[in-house]
Amino acid sequence: EEEKKTDDTASSEDKISALRAELKEAIEKENFERAAQLRDEIKGLEG
């Protein structure tokens, strides 16, 4: 059985990567309100 800590770290990194991609898309669409929400969420996950 794999360590849960490793799985949690991997899933957090995956989520951050997905959020970064969504953030980039929001900026390209000039959806700055959404971009700000995503930025804050990423900061929260990164600690």
N, C-alpha and C. Protein backbone atom coordinates (compact mmCIF):
# COMPACT_ATOMS: atom_id res chain seq x y z
N GLU A 1 0.84 -1.20 0.00
CA GLU A 1 0.00 0.00 0.00
C GLU A 1 0.88 1.25 0.00
N GLU A 2 0.54 2.19 -0.86
CA GLU A 2 1.31 3.43 -0.95
C GLU A 2 0.97 4.34 0.22
N GLU A 3 1.92 5.21 0.56
CA GLU A 3 1.68 6.16 1.63
C GLU A 3 0.64 7.19 1.18
N LYS A 4 -0.28 7.49 2.06
CA LYS A 4 -1.32 8.46 1.73
C LYS A 4 -0.72 9.85 1.53
N LYS A 5 0.32 10.16 2.29
CA LYS A 5 0.96 11.46 2.18
C LYS A 5 1.42 11.71 0.74
N THR A 6 2.03 10.70 0.13
CA THR A 6 2.49 10.81 -1.25
C THR A 6 1.30 11.05 -2.18
N ASP A 7 0.23 10.31 -1.98
CA ASP A 7 -0.97 10.46 -2.81
C ASP A 7 -1.56 11.87 -2.66
N ASP A 8 -1.63 12.35 -1.41
CA ASP A 8 -2.17 13.68 -1.17
C ASP A 8 -1.33 14.75 -1.86
N THR A 9 -0.03 14.61 -1.77
CA THR A 9 0.88 15.58 -2.40
C THR A 9 0.67 15.57 -3.91
N ALA A 10 0.60 14.39 -4.48
CA ALA A 10 0.42 14.26 -5.93
C ALA A 10 -0.92 14.87 -6.35
N SER A 11 -1.97 14.58 -5.62
CA SER A 11 -3.28 15.10 -6.00
C SER A 11 -3.32 16.62 -5.85
N SER A 12 -2.65 17.15 -4.83
CA SER A 12 -2.59 18.61 -4.67
C SER A 12 -1.84 19.24 -5.83
N GLU A 13 -0.73 18.62 -6.23
CA GLU A 13 0.05 19.14 -7.35
C GLU A 13 -0.77 19.09 -8.64
N ASP A 14 -1.52 18.00 -8.82
CA ASP A 14 -2.38 17.88 -10.00
C ASP A 14 -3.45 18.98 -9.99
N LYS A 15 -4.02 19.22 -8.81
CA LYS A 15 -5.06 20.24 -8.71
C LYS A 15 -4.49 21.62 -8.99
N ILE A 16 -3.30 21.89 -8.45
CA ILE A 16 -2.64 23.17 -8.69
C ILE A 16 -2.36 23.35 -10.18
N SER A 17 -1.88 22.29 -10.82
CA SER A 17 -1.60 22.35 -12.27
C SER A 17 -2.88 22.67 -13.05
N ALA A 18 -3.97 22.02 -12.68
CA ALA A 18 -5.25 22.26 -13.35
C ALA A 18 -5.72 23.69 -13.11
N LEU A 19 -5.56 24.17 -11.88
CA LEU A 19 -5.97 25.53 -11.56
C LEU A 19 -5.13 26.55 -12.32
N ARG A 20 -3.83 26.28 -12.44
CA ARG A 20 -2.95 27.19 -13.19
C ARG A 20 -3.39 27.27 -14.66
N ALA A 21 -3.76 26.13 -15.24
CA ALA A 21 -4.23 26.11 -16.62
C ALA A 21 -5.52 26.91 -16.75
N GLU A 22 -6.41 26.75 -15.78
CA GLU A 22 -7.68 27.48 -15.79
C GLU A 22 -7.42 28.98 -15.59
N LEU A 23 -6.45 29.30 -14.74
CA LEU A 23 -6.07 30.69 -14.50
C LEU A 23 -5.58 31.35 -15.79
N LYS A 24 -4.72 30.65 -16.51
CA LYS A 24 -4.19 31.16 -17.78
C LYS A 24 -5.33 31.43 -18.76
N GLU A 25 -6.27 30.49 -18.82
CA GLU A 25 -7.42 30.63 -19.71
C GLU A 25 -8.29 31.83 -19.31
N ALA A 26 -8.50 31.98 -18.01
CA ALA A 26 -9.31 33.11 -17.52
C ALA A 26 -8.66 34.44 -17.88
N ILE A 27 -7.34 34.52 -17.75
CA ILE A 27 -6.62 35.75 -18.11
C ILE A 27 -6.74 36.03 -19.60
N GLU A 28 -6.59 34.98 -20.42
CA GLU A 28 -6.71 35.15 -21.87
C GLU A 28 -8.09 35.66 -22.26
N LYS A 29 -9.11 35.22 -21.52
CA LYS A 29 -10.49 35.66 -21.80
C LYS A 29 -10.82 36.96 -21.08
N GLU A 30 -9.81 37.53 -20.40
CA GLU A 30 -9.97 38.76 -19.63
C GLU A 30 -11.05 38.62 -18.55
N ASN A 31 -11.15 37.42 -18.00
CA ASN A 31 -12.07 37.16 -16.90
C ASN A 31 -11.27 37.30 -15.60
N PHE A 32 -11.00 38.56 -15.25
CA PHE A 32 -10.07 38.83 -14.16
C PHE A 32 -10.65 38.49 -12.78
N GLU A 33 -11.96 38.56 -12.65
CA GLU A 33 -12.58 38.19 -11.37
C GLU A 33 -12.33 36.70 -11.09
N ARG A 34 -12.54 35.88 -12.11
CA ARG A 34 -12.29 34.43 -11.99
C ARG A 34 -10.79 34.18 -11.76
N ALA A 35 -9.96 34.91 -12.47
CA ALA A 35 -8.51 34.76 -12.33
C ALA A 35 -8.08 35.04 -10.89
N ALA A 36 -8.66 36.06 -10.28
CA ALA A 36 -8.33 36.39 -8.90
C ALA A 36 -8.75 35.27 -7.95
N GLN A 37 -9.93 34.70 -8.18
CA GLN A 37 -10.40 33.58 -7.35
C GLN A 37 -9.45 32.40 -7.47
N LEU A 38 -9.06 32.09 -8.70
CA LEU A 38 -8.15 30.96 -8.95
C LEU A 38 -6.80 31.20 -8.30
N ARG A 39 -6.29 32.42 -8.44
CA ARG A 39 -5.00 32.77 -7.84
C ARG A 39 -5.03 32.54 -6.32
N ASP A 40 -6.12 32.99 -5.70
CA ASP A 40 -6.25 32.82 -4.25
C ASP A 40 -6.34 31.34 -3.87
N GLU A 41 -7.05 30.57 -4.67
CA GLU A 41 -7.18 29.14 -4.41
C GLU A 41 -5.83 28.44 -4.54
N ILE A 42 -5.07 28.81 -5.56
CA ILE A 42 -3.73 28.24 -5.76
C ILE A 42 -2.84 28.59 -4.57
N LYS A 43 -2.88 29.84 -4.13
CA LYS A 43 -2.08 30.27 -2.98
C LYS A 43 -2.44 29.45 -1.75
N GLY A 44 -3.73 29.20 -1.56
CA GLY A 44 -4.19 28.42 -0.42
C GLY A 44 -3.67 26.99 -0.45
N LEU A 45 -3.66 26.39 -1.62
CA LEU A 45 -3.18 25.02 -1.76
C LEU A 45 -1.67 24.92 -1.59
N GLU A 46 -0.96 25.95 -2.06
CA GLU A 46 0.50 25.93 -1.96
C GLU A 46 0.96 26.20 -0.53
N GLY A 47 0.08 26.77 0.28
CA GLY A 47 0.44 27.04 1.67
C GLY A 47 1.15 28.34 1.78
